[in-house]
């Protein structure tokens, strides 16, 4: 069953899903991606995750526990290659989302352990890949 919030937001989220997939299309050419391109990819994908969580919140009255939960419930789809390159974490405080952290894996062209942190309140990015 699709909720009324999810139904209204599908068009906008659909754009986000397509955007996340297109932005990750460079994944087929990892040797050609610069650290700046990888960081830009994440600066575009993470707000899509945030928006998917907002829709989830409207439906359930609480923030999602994980990006995987958002994907399983079809609020979000992230390109599989991007999922190979990055792990995503929803950080909550007192049950509310405060930040989203993307951490690169060993398969990422930028190397393992590089982070970009999105502040859910301000929309600002920080971390090694935020520059």
Protein backbone atom coordinates (compact mmCIF):
# COMPACT_ATOMS: atom_id res chain seq x y z
CA UNK A 1 0.00 0.00 0.00
CA UNK A 2 1.30 3.43 -0.91
CA UNK A 3 0.58 6.16 1.62
CA UNK A 4 -0.89 9.50 0.65
CA UNK A 5 2.44 11.19 1.38
CA UNK A 6 4.39 8.65 -0.61
CA UNK A 7 1.94 8.96 -3.53
CA UNK A 8 2.24 12.75 -3.63
CA UNK A 9 6.00 12.62 -3.41
CA UNK A 10 6.63 9.85 -5.92
CA UNK A 11 7.09 12.24 -8.82
CA UNK A 12 9.64 14.32 -6.93
CA UNK A 13 11.32 11.30 -5.43
CA UNK A 14 11.29 9.64 -8.83
CA UNK A 15 13.39 12.54 -10.04
CA UNK A 16 15.68 11.95 -7.06
CA UNK A 17 15.97 8.26 -7.86
CA UNK A 18 16.76 9.00 -11.48
CA UNK A 19 19.20 11.67 -10.34
CA UNK A 20 20.94 9.29 -7.95
CA UNK A 21 21.23 6.71 -10.71
CA UNK A 22 22.46 9.19 -13.32
CA UNK A 23 24.94 10.78 -10.98
CA UNK A 24 26.29 7.35 -10.31
CA UNK A 25 26.55 6.56 -13.99
CA UNK A 26 30.19 7.54 -13.81
CA UNK A 27 30.60 4.37 -11.77
CA UNK A 28 31.20 2.39 -14.93
CA UNK A 29 34.36 4.45 -15.48
CA UNK A 30 35.92 4.66 -12.00
CA UNK A 31 39.39 5.35 -13.33
CA UNK A 32 38.07 8.55 -14.89
CA UNK A 33 36.43 9.93 -11.74
CA UNK A 34 38.33 12.57 -9.85
CA UNK A 35 37.92 13.02 -6.09
CA UNK A 36 35.95 16.18 -6.89
CA UNK A 37 33.51 14.21 -9.05
CA UNK A 38 33.09 11.57 -6.35
CA UNK A 39 32.44 14.27 -3.75
CA UNK A 40 29.95 16.00 -6.05
CA UNK A 41 28.15 12.68 -6.55
CA UNK A 42 27.75 12.33 -2.79
CA UNK A 43 26.69 15.96 -2.32
CA UNK A 44 23.85 15.21 -4.75
CA UNK A 45 22.88 11.75 -3.48
CA UNK A 46 22.79 12.52 0.25
CA UNK A 47 20.01 15.16 0.00
CA UNK A 48 17.97 12.57 -1.94
CA UNK A 49 18.40 10.24 1.06
CA UNK A 50 17.31 13.08 3.35
CA UNK A 51 14.19 13.74 1.27
CA UNK A 52 13.31 10.03 1.25
CA UNK A 53 13.58 10.06 5.04
CA UNK A 54 11.25 13.08 5.22
CA UNK A 55 8.62 11.17 3.27
CA UNK A 56 9.14 8.16 5.55
CA UNK A 57 8.69 10.47 8.56
CA UNK A 58 5.42 11.78 7.13
CA UNK A 59 4.18 8.21 6.74
CA UNK A 60 5.35 6.73 10.06
CA UNK A 61 5.82 9.70 12.40
CA UNK A 62 9.47 8.79 12.99
CA UNK A 63 12.74 8.83 11.10
CA UNK A 64 13.96 5.69 9.34
CA UNK A 65 16.54 3.55 11.10
CA UNK A 66 18.75 3.08 8.04
CA UNK A 67 19.19 3.79 4.37
CA UNK A 68 18.62 0.07 3.79
CA UNK A 69 15.19 0.42 5.41
CA UNK A 70 14.36 3.29 3.05
CA UNK A 71 15.43 1.13 0.11
CA UNK A 72 13.54 -1.95 1.30
CA UNK A 73 10.34 0.09 1.65
CA UNK A 74 10.95 1.65 -1.79
CA UNK A 75 11.38 5.22 -0.59
CA UNK A 76 14.77 5.28 -2.23
CA UNK A 77 16.90 3.46 -4.78
CA UNK A 78 20.65 3.98 -4.92
CA UNK A 79 22.67 2.72 -7.86
CA UNK A 80 24.36 -0.61 -6.95
CA UNK A 81 27.84 0.63 -7.94
CA UNK A 82 27.45 3.62 -5.65
CA UNK A 83 26.43 1.22 -2.85
CA UNK A 84 29.69 -0.68 -3.53
CA UNK A 85 31.66 2.53 -3.14
CA UNK A 86 29.89 4.03 -0.12
CA UNK A 87 28.17 2.99 3.08
CA UNK A 88 25.48 5.32 4.40
CA UNK A 89 24.54 5.92 8.01
CA UNK A 90 21.56 7.81 9.39
CA UNK A 91 22.61 9.40 12.68
CA UNK A 92 19.77 10.12 15.08
CA UNK A 93 19.63 11.92 18.39
CA UNK A 94 16.55 11.53 20.57
CA UNK A 95 14.90 9.67 17.70
CA UNK A 96 15.37 12.47 15.15
CA UNK A 97 17.73 12.49 12.18
CA UNK A 98 20.61 14.89 12.76
CA UNK A 99 23.06 13.84 10.06
CA UNK A 100 23.77 11.47 7.21
CA UNK A 101 27.28 10.09 6.83
CA UNK A 102 28.65 8.55 3.64
CA UNK A 103 31.87 6.58 4.15
CA UNK A 104 33.86 5.26 1.22
CA UNK A 105 34.66 1.55 1.00
CA UNK A 106 37.88 -0.06 -0.22
CA UNK A 107 36.29 -0.34 -3.69
CA UNK A 108 35.86 3.42 -4.02
CA UNK A 109 38.32 5.23 -6.33
CA UNK A 110 39.05 7.70 -3.52
CA UNK A 111 40.07 4.90 -1.13
CA UNK A 112 38.59 3.48 2.05
CA UNK A 113 37.39 5.55 4.99
CA UNK A 114 36.81 8.94 3.36
CA UNK A 115 33.72 10.65 4.81
CA UNK A 116 31.22 13.26 3.88
CA UNK A 117 28.78 14.34 6.59
CA UNK A 118 25.47 16.06 5.87
CA UNK A 119 23.91 18.14 8.64
CA UNK A 120 20.15 17.53 8.38
CA UNK A 121 19.28 20.82 10.12
CA UNK A 122 21.45 23.14 8.03
CA UNK A 123 21.99 21.21 4.79
CA UNK A 124 25.73 21.81 5.16
CA UNK A 125 28.43 19.27 4.32
CA UNK A 126 31.64 18.55 6.21
CA UNK A 127 34.33 15.89 6.15
CA UNK A 128 37.18 14.94 3.86
CA UNK A 129 35.00 14.72 0.75
CA UNK A 130 33.09 17.93 1.43
CA UNK A 131 35.84 20.15 0.06
